[in-house]
């Protein structure tokens, strides 16, 4: 799927509900899995960066972590997505979507984000301690399956785009057609996983009743999974 994911452009992905549950709910939980390396690049540090390249980067060994500033934002706030020109709010879509269409995306997104954030809290107990979870929620025991045999990228890089446009092109909103930021989904840290999800992040906290099952199959060969 990842090798073909250009077919799943933002305006299509926004209609899919399940992927919203992947996002962390705080900077602490995000850790250094989403980092901004703009300042390091300005200082002339040589950091491999493949701008907006999609698909998995196959390596035999796990790659080390890349240092940078924690780029966490409130993933569950549609206004933050718009502030950062992410997804359908990016200038790439200024001439493809009307203001009315964008507003419909925003309204739909808010519904999905609220449901996803509630799921992370009630099912995974994220942001709760053991006693709070036990008194406020009830979830049947889970079986969580994950692979730990394939190096899997679990750190994504961001930097500000140095040249927004080589021409004076503007969108209908008066913006450069290129996004303010560019992203690298391939060259950050990689850890044991299934090629799509890293192993350690596929399980709920210890106080959530669950059984762990370790697999050796790749992400593409798994029909179901329980992400965290």
C-alpha atoms as a PDB file:
ATOM      1  CA  UNK A   1       0.000   0.000   0.000  1.00  0.00           C
ATOM      2  CA  UNK A   2       2.741   2.472   0.929  1.00  0.00           C
ATOM      3  CA  UNK A   3       4.390   2.019  -2.470  1.00  0.00           C
ATOM      4  CA  UNK A   4       1.135   3.105  -4.079  1.00  0.00           C
ATOM      5  CA  UNK A   5       0.002   5.666  -1.529  1.00  0.00           C
ATOM      6  CA  UNK A   6       0.114   8.616  -3.896  1.00  0.00           C
ATOM      7  CA  UNK A   7      -3.349   7.475  -4.967  1.00  0.00           C
ATOM      8  CA  UNK A   8      -4.503   8.225  -1.412  1.00  0.00           C
ATOM      9  CA  UNK A   9      -4.218  12.010  -1.599  1.00  0.00           C
ATOM     10  CA  UNK A  10      -5.355  14.216   1.325  1.00  0.00           C
ATOM     11  CA  UNK A  11      -8.864  14.830   0.041  1.00  0.00           C
ATOM     12  CA  UNK A  12      -9.398  11.033  -0.101  1.00  0.00           C
ATOM     13  CA  UNK A  13      -7.610  10.218   3.166  1.00  0.00           C
ATOM     14  CA  UNK A  14      -9.778  12.738   5.015  1.00  0.00           C
ATOM     15  CA  UNK A  15     -12.801  10.500   4.403  1.00  0.00           C
ATOM     16  CA  UNK A  16     -11.150   7.515   6.154  1.00  0.00           C
ATOM     17  CA  UNK A  17     -11.893   7.387   9.854  1.00  0.00           C
ATOM     18  CA  UNK A  18      -9.524   4.791  11.319  1.00  0.00           C
ATOM     19  CA  UNK A  19      -6.158   6.442  10.718  1.00  0.00           C
ATOM     20  CA  UNK A  20      -6.894   9.364  13.046  1.00  0.00           C
ATOM     21  CA  UNK A  21      -6.392   7.065  16.056  1.00  0.00           C
ATOM     22  CA  UNK A  22      -2.659   6.869  15.321  1.00  0.00           C
ATOM     23  CA  UNK A  23      -1.916  10.407  16.514  1.00  0.00           C
ATOM     24  CA  UNK A  24      -0.464  11.086  19.988  1.00  0.00           C
ATOM     25  CA  UNK A  25      -2.437  13.258  22.365  1.00  0.00           C
ATOM     26  CA  UNK A  26       0.484  15.131  23.948  1.00  0.00           C
ATOM     27  CA  UNK A  27       4.058  16.239  23.263  1.00  0.00           C
ATOM     28  CA  UNK A  28       5.331  13.764  25.849  1.00  0.00           C
ATOM     29  CA  UNK A  29       3.620  10.871  24.117  1.00  0.00           C
ATOM     30  CA  UNK A  30       4.806  12.121  20.733  1.00  0.00           C
ATOM     31  CA  UNK A  31       8.368  12.045  22.122  1.00  0.00           C
ATOM     32  CA  UNK A  32      10.779  12.599  19.224  1.00  0.00           C
ATOM     33  CA  UNK A  33       8.826  10.767  16.563  1.00  0.00           C
ATOM     34  CA  UNK A  34       8.029  14.000  14.699  1.00  0.00           C
ATOM     35  CA  UNK A  35      10.941  16.449  14.655  1.00  0.00           C
ATOM     36  CA  UNK A  36      11.701  19.748  12.973  1.00  0.00           C
ATOM     37  CA  UNK A  37      15.264  20.008  11.661  1.00  0.00           C
ATOM     38  CA  UNK A  38      14.976  23.509  10.163  1.00  0.00           C
ATOM     39  CA  UNK A  39      17.561  25.049  12.495  1.00  0.00           C
ATOM     40  CA  UNK A  40      20.028  22.215  11.966  1.00  0.00           C
ATOM     41  CA  UNK A  41      19.730  22.661   8.210  1.00  0.00           C
ATOM     42  CA  UNK A  42      20.253  26.421   8.555  1.00  0.00           C
ATOM     43  CA  UNK A  43      23.452  25.698  10.463  1.00  0.00           C
ATOM     44  CA  UNK A  44      24.697  23.707   7.494  1.00  0.00           C
ATOM     45  CA  UNK A  45      24.506  20.301   9.140  1.00  0.00           C
ATOM     46  CA  UNK A  46      24.458  17.481   6.634  1.00  0.00           C
ATOM     47  CA  UNK A  47      21.195  15.607   7.229  1.00  0.00           C
ATOM     48  CA  UNK A  48      19.808  13.306   4.583  1.00  0.00           C
ATOM     49  CA  UNK A  49      16.399  14.614   3.622  1.00  0.00           C
ATOM     50  CA  UNK A  50      14.138  13.338   0.852  1.00  0.00           C
ATOM     51  CA  UNK A  51      11.375  15.888   0.484  1.00  0.00           C
ATOM     52  CA  UNK A  52       7.866  14.446   0.274  1.00  0.00           C
ATOM     53  CA  UNK A  53       9.048  11.060  -0.984  1.00  0.00           C
ATOM     54  CA  UNK A  54       6.561   8.303  -0.289  1.00  0.00           C
ATOM     55  CA  UNK A  55       6.937   4.572   0.158  1.00  0.00           C
ATOM     56  CA  UNK A  56       8.984   2.527   2.576  1.00  0.00           C
ATOM     57  CA  UNK A  57      12.758   2.755   2.741  1.00  0.00           C
ATOM     58  CA  UNK A  58      14.011  -0.814   2.971  1.00  0.00           C
ATOM     59  CA  UNK A  59      17.082  -1.326   5.150  1.00  0.00           C
ATOM     60  CA  UNK A  60      18.634  -4.423   6.667  1.00  0.00           C
ATOM     61  CA  UNK A  61      19.328  -2.701   9.982  1.00  0.00           C
ATOM     62  CA  UNK A  62      17.477  -0.114  12.028  1.00  0.00           C
ATOM     63  CA  UNK A  63      18.511   3.503  11.518  1.00  0.00           C
ATOM     64  CA  UNK A  64      19.510   5.837  14.380  1.00  0.00           C
ATOM     65  CA  UNK A  65      17.359   8.653  15.686  1.00  0.00           C
ATOM     66  CA  UNK A  66      17.677  12.137  14.166  1.00  0.00           C
ATOM     67  CA  UNK A  67      17.937  15.041  16.602  1.00  0.00           C
ATOM     68  CA  UNK A  68      15.725  18.095  16.223  1.00  0.00           C
ATOM     69  CA  UNK A  69      12.942  20.138  17.799  1.00  0.00           C
ATOM     70  CA  UNK A  70       9.772  18.352  18.835  1.00  0.00           C
ATOM     71  CA  UNK A  71       7.298  19.274  16.087  1.00  0.00           C
ATOM     72  CA  UNK A  72       4.237  18.181  18.048  1.00  0.00           C
ATOM     73  CA  UNK A  73       1.040  20.128  17.491  1.00  0.00           C
ATOM     74  CA  UNK A  74      -2.510  19.360  18.572  1.00  0.00           C
ATOM     75  CA  UNK A  75      -3.286  16.617  16.064  1.00  0.00           C
ATOM     76  CA  UNK A  76      -6.879  16.572  17.306  1.00  0.00           C
ATOM     77  CA  UNK A  77      -7.552  20.233  16.520  1.00  0.00           C
ATOM     78  CA  UNK A  78      -8.584  20.948  12.925  1.00  0.00           C
ATOM     79  CA  UNK A  79      -7.575  24.581  13.375  1.00  0.00           C
ATOM     80  CA  UNK A  80      -3.974  23.490  13.963  1.00  0.00           C
ATOM     81  CA  UNK A  81      -4.015  21.503  10.740  1.00  0.00           C
ATOM     82  CA  UNK A  82      -5.153  24.621   8.917  1.00  0.00           C
ATOM     83  CA  UNK A  83      -2.578  26.814  10.682  1.00  0.00           C
ATOM     84  CA  UNK A  84       0.201  24.511   9.476  1.00  0.00           C
ATOM     85  CA  UNK A  85      -1.210  24.194   5.930  1.00  0.00           C
ATOM     86  CA  UNK A  86      -1.533  20.433   6.330  1.00  0.00           C
ATOM     87  CA  UNK A  87      -3.650  18.094   4.220  1.00  0.00           C
ATOM     88  CA  UNK A  88      -6.499  19.745   2.334  1.00  0.00           C
ATOM     89  CA  UNK A  89      -5.653  23.064   4.004  1.00  0.00           C
ATOM     90  CA  UNK A  90      -2.360  23.304   2.116  1.00  0.00           C
ATOM     91  CA  UNK A  91      -1.895  25.753  -0.753  1.00  0.00           C
ATOM     92  CA  UNK A  92      -1.709  22.785  -3.130  1.00  0.00           C
ATOM     93  CA  UNK A  93      -5.501  22.589  -2.796  1.00  0.00           C
ATOM     94  CA  UNK A  94      -6.352  26.275  -3.089  1.00  0.00           C
ATOM     95  CA  UNK A  95      -7.269  25.900  -6.750  1.00  0.00           C
ATOM     96  CA  UNK A  96      -8.833  22.456  -6.350  1.00  0.00           C
ATOM     97  CA  UNK A  97     -11.252  23.047  -3.495  1.00  0.00           C
ATOM     98  CA  UNK A  98     -13.699  25.874  -2.943  1.00  0.00           C
ATOM     99  CA  UNK A  99     -14.024  27.530   0.456  1.00  0.00           C
ATOM    100  CA  UNK A 100     -17.341  25.710   0.898  1.00  0.00           C
ATOM    101  CA  UNK A 101     -15.727  22.346   0.186  1.00  0.00           C
ATOM    102  CA  UNK A 102     -12.914  23.038   2.621  1.00  0.00           C
ATOM    103  CA  UNK A 103     -15.450  23.923   5.285  1.00  0.00           C
ATOM    104  CA  UNK A 104     -17.172  20.551   4.779  1.00  0.00           C
ATOM    105  CA  UNK A 105     -13.824  18.795   5.164  1.00  0.00           C
ATOM    106  CA  UNK A 106     -13.187  20.757   8.362  1.00  0.00           C
ATOM    107  CA  UNK A 107     -16.569  19.843   9.842  1.00  0.00           C
ATOM    108  CA  UNK A 108     -16.113  16.171   8.952  1.00  0.00           C
ATOM    109  CA  UNK A 109     -12.597  16.216  10.349  1.00  0.00           C
ATOM    110  CA  UNK A 110     -13.717  17.624  13.696  1.00  0.00           C
ATOM    111  CA  UNK A 111     -16.175  14.745  14.128  1.00  0.00           C
ATOM    112  CA  UNK A 112     -13.525  12.142  13.323  1.00  0.00           C
ATOM    113  CA  UNK A 113     -10.865  13.743  15.521  1.00  0.00           C
ATOM    114  CA  UNK A 114     -13.178  13.893  18.519  1.00  0.00           C
ATOM    115  CA  UNK A 115     -14.068  10.207  18.124  1.00  0.00           C
ATOM    116  CA  UNK A 116     -10.433   9.174  17.633  1.00  0.00           C
ATOM    117  CA  UNK A 117      -9.222  11.091  20.689  1.00  0.00           C
ATOM    118  CA  UNK A 118     -11.966   9.512  22.794  1.00  0.00           C
ATOM    119  CA  UNK A 119     -10.895   6.059  21.533  1.00  0.00           C
ATOM    120  CA  UNK A 120      -7.275   6.617  22.541  1.00  0.00           C
ATOM    121  CA  UNK A 121      -8.386   7.597  26.014  1.00  0.00           C
ATOM    122  CA  UNK A 122     -11.101   5.024  26.704  1.00  0.00           C
ATOM    123  CA  UNK A 123      -9.540   2.004  24.980  1.00  0.00           C
ATOM    124  CA  UNK A 124      -5.824   2.667  25.368  1.00  0.00           C
ATOM    125  CA  UNK A 125      -6.000   4.639  28.589  1.00  0.00           C
ATOM    126  CA  UNK A 126      -3.771   7.330  27.110  1.00  0.00           C
ATOM    127  CA  UNK A 127      -3.234  10.195  29.523  1.00  0.00           C
ATOM    128  CA  UNK A 128      -4.765   8.208  32.394  1.00  0.00           C
ATOM    129  CA  UNK A 129      -3.246   6.361  35.314  1.00  0.00           C
ATOM    130  CA  UNK A 130      -4.222   2.845  36.324  1.00  0.00           C
ATOM    131  CA  UNK A 131      -6.787   3.790  38.960  1.00  0.00           C
ATOM    132  CA  UNK A 132      -8.451   6.423  36.798  1.00  0.00           C
ATOM    133  CA  UNK A 133      -8.716   3.939  33.934  1.00  0.00           C
ATOM    134  CA  UNK A 134     -10.221   1.236  36.166  1.00  0.00           C
ATOM    135  CA  UNK A 135     -12.898   3.537  37.596  1.00  0.00           C
ATOM    136  CA  UNK A 136     -13.890   5.325  34.399  1.00  0.00           C
ATOM    137  CA  UNK A 137     -13.735   2.762  31.617  1.00  0.00           C
ATOM    138  CA  UNK A 138     -14.475  -0.835  30.830  1.00  0.00           C
ATOM    139  CA  UNK A 139     -12.992  -2.520  27.796  1.00  0.00           C
ATOM    140  CA  UNK A 140     -13.087  -6.295  27.184  1.00  0.00           C
ATOM    141  CA  UNK A 141      -9.650  -7.988  27.106  1.00  0.00           C
ATOM    142  CA  UNK A 142      -7.806  -7.337  23.847  1.00  0.00           C
ATOM    143  CA  UNK A 143      -5.548  -9.467  21.679  1.00  0.00           C
ATOM    144  CA  UNK A 144      -2.885  -7.270  20.045  1.00  0.00           C
ATOM    145  CA  UNK A 145      -0.700  -8.708  17.278  1.00  0.00           C
ATOM    146  CA  UNK A 146       2.475  -7.130  15.941  1.00  0.00           C
ATOM    147  CA  UNK A 147       5.672  -8.005  14.073  1.00  0.00           C
ATOM    148  CA  UNK A 148       9.172  -7.145  15.309  1.00  0.00           C
ATOM    149  CA  UNK A 149      11.206  -8.542  12.407  1.00  0.00           C
ATOM    150  CA  UNK A 150      11.356  -5.646   9.932  1.00  0.00           C
ATOM    151  CA  UNK A 151      13.114  -2.255  10.338  1.00  0.00           C
ATOM    152  CA  UNK A 152      10.264   0.246  10.441  1.00  0.00           C
ATOM    153  CA  UNK A 153      10.459   4.027  10.283  1.00  0.00           C
ATOM    154  CA  UNK A 154       8.860   5.600  13.352  1.00  0.00           C
ATOM    155  CA  UNK A 155      10.332   9.094  13.167  1.00  0.00           C
ATOM    156  CA  UNK A 156       9.343  11.711  10.619  1.00  0.00           C
ATOM    157  CA  UNK A 157      11.236  14.860   9.727  1.00  0.00           C
ATOM    158  CA  UNK A 158      10.058  18.355   8.868  1.00  0.00           C
ATOM    159  CA  UNK A 159      11.824  21.505   7.759  1.00  0.00           C
ATOM    160  CA  UNK A 160      10.771  24.867   6.394  1.00  0.00           C
ATOM    161  CA  UNK A 161      10.978  25.143   2.648  1.00  0.00           C
ATOM    162  CA  UNK A 162      13.762  27.542   1.692  1.00  0.00           C
ATOM    163  CA  UNK A 163      12.405  28.515  -1.726  1.00  0.00           C
ATOM    164  CA  UNK A 164       8.631  28.618  -1.789  1.00  0.00           C
ATOM    165  CA  UNK A 165       8.447  29.091  -5.560  1.00  0.00           C
ATOM    166  CA  UNK A 166      10.900  29.665  -8.402  1.00  0.00           C
ATOM    167  CA  UNK A 167       8.252  31.779 -10.082  1.00  0.00           C
ATOM    168  CA  UNK A 168       5.763  34.368  -8.921  1.00  0.00           C
ATOM    169  CA  UNK A 169       2.874  31.940  -9.168  1.00  0.00           C
ATOM    170  CA  UNK A 170       0.048  32.465  -6.704  1.00  0.00           C
ATOM    171  CA  UNK A 171      -3.028  30.459  -5.821  1.00  0.00           C
ATOM    172  CA  UNK A 172      -6.511  31.951  -5.800  1.00  0.00           C
ATOM    173  CA  UNK A 173      -5.881  32.631  -2.106  1.00  0.00           C
ATOM    174  CA  UNK A 174      -2.760  34.654  -2.929  1.00  0.00           C
ATOM    175  CA  UNK A 175      -0.339  32.037  -1.581  1.00  0.00           C
ATOM    176  CA  UNK A 176       2.648  30.292  -3.069  1.00  0.00           C
ATOM    177  CA  UNK A 177       1.488  26.959  -4.536  1.00  0.00           C
ATOM    178  CA  UNK A 178       4.204  25.178  -2.545  1.00  0.00           C
ATOM    179  CA  UNK A 179       3.650  24.296   1.092  1.00  0.00           C
ATOM    180  CA  UNK A 180       5.571  26.240   3.756  1.00  0.00           C
ATOM    181  CA  UNK A 181       6.987  22.972   5.086  1.00  0.00           C
ATOM    182  CA  UNK A 182       8.422  19.895   3.444  1.00  0.00           C
ATOM    183  CA  UNK A 183       8.425  16.458   5.035  1.00  0.00           C
ATOM    184  CA  UNK A 184      10.612  13.353   5.007  1.00  0.00           C
ATOM    185  CA  UNK A 185       8.843  10.084   5.798  1.00  0.00           C
ATOM    186  CA  UNK A 186      11.802   7.802   5.095  1.00  0.00           C
ATOM    187  CA  UNK A 187      15.064   8.863   6.721  1.00  0.00           C
ATOM    188  CA  UNK A 188      14.229   9.219  10.400  1.00  0.00           C
ATOM    189  CA  UNK A 189      14.840   6.569  13.030  1.00  0.00           C
ATOM    190  CA  UNK A 190      13.699   3.026  12.301  1.00  0.00           C
ATOM    191  CA  UNK A 191      12.954   0.334  14.882  1.00  0.00           C
ATOM    192  CA  UNK A 192      11.729  -3.287  14.881  1.00  0.00           C
ATOM    193  CA  UNK A 193       8.262  -3.571  13.401  1.00  0.00           C
ATOM    194  CA  UNK A 194       6.316  -4.850  10.419  1.00  0.00           C
ATOM    195  CA  UNK A 195       7.413  -2.270   7.865  1.00  0.00           C
ATOM    196  CA  UNK A 196       4.402  -0.083   8.588  1.00  0.00           C
ATOM    197  CA  UNK A 197       3.928  -0.066  12.374  1.00  0.00           C
ATOM    198  CA  UNK A 198       6.659  -0.249  14.982  1.00  0.00           C
ATOM    199  CA  UNK A 199       6.305  -3.144  17.410  1.00  0.00           C
ATOM    200  CA  UNK A 200       6.414  -1.310  20.737  1.00  0.00           C
ATOM    201  CA  UNK A 201       3.666   1.120  19.769  1.00  0.00           C
ATOM    202  CA  UNK A 202       1.173  -1.610  18.881  1.00  0.00           C
ATOM    203  CA  UNK A 203       0.240  -2.436  22.460  1.00  0.00           C
ATOM    204  CA  UNK A 204      -1.781  -0.590  25.099  1.00  0.00           C
ATOM    205  CA  UNK A 205      -0.377   0.266  28.550  1.00  0.00           C
ATOM    206  CA  UNK A 206       0.211  -2.632  30.928  1.00  0.00           C
ATOM    207  CA  UNK A 207      -2.870  -1.774  33.015  1.00  0.00           C
ATOM    208  CA  UNK A 208      -5.142  -2.394  29.985  1.00  0.00           C
ATOM    209  CA  UNK A 209      -5.994  -6.104  29.924  1.00  0.00           C
ATOM    210  CA  UNK A 210      -4.540  -7.599  26.733  1.00  0.00           C
ATOM    211  CA  UNK A 211      -2.574 -10.489  25.293  1.00  0.00           C
ATOM    212  CA  UNK A 212       0.450  -9.827  23.072  1.00  0.00           C
ATOM    213  CA  UNK A 213       1.069 -11.989  20.026  1.00  0.00           C
ATOM    214  CA  UNK A 214       4.326 -11.582  18.117  1.00  0.00           C
ATOM    215  CA  UNK A 215       4.236 -12.181  14.363  1.00  0.00           C
ATOM    216  CA  UNK A 216       6.880 -12.263  11.653  1.00  0.00           C
ATOM    217  CA  UNK A 217       4.755 -11.167   8.685  1.00  0.00           C
ATOM    218  CA  UNK A 218       5.008  -7.801   6.957  1.00  0.00           C
ATOM    219  CA  UNK A 219       2.393  -5.077   7.360  1.00  0.00           C
ATOM    220  CA  UNK A 220       1.094  -5.659   3.833  1.00  0.00           C
ATOM    221  CA  UNK A 221       0.344  -9.295   4.670  1.00  0.00           C
ATOM    222  CA  UNK A 222      -1.692  -8.537   7.775  1.00  0.00           C
ATOM    223  CA  UNK A 223      -5.418  -8.070   7.301  1.00  0.00           C
ATOM    224  CA  UNK A 224      -6.145  -6.584  10.729  1.00  0.00           C
ATOM    225  CA  UNK A 225      -4.196  -4.832  13.473  1.00  0.00           C
ATOM    226  CA  UNK A 226      -4.747  -2.848  16.636  1.00  0.00           C
ATOM    227  CA  UNK A 227      -2.654   0.378  16.462  1.00  0.00           C
ATOM    228  CA  UNK A 228      -1.611   2.487  19.447  1.00  0.00           C
END
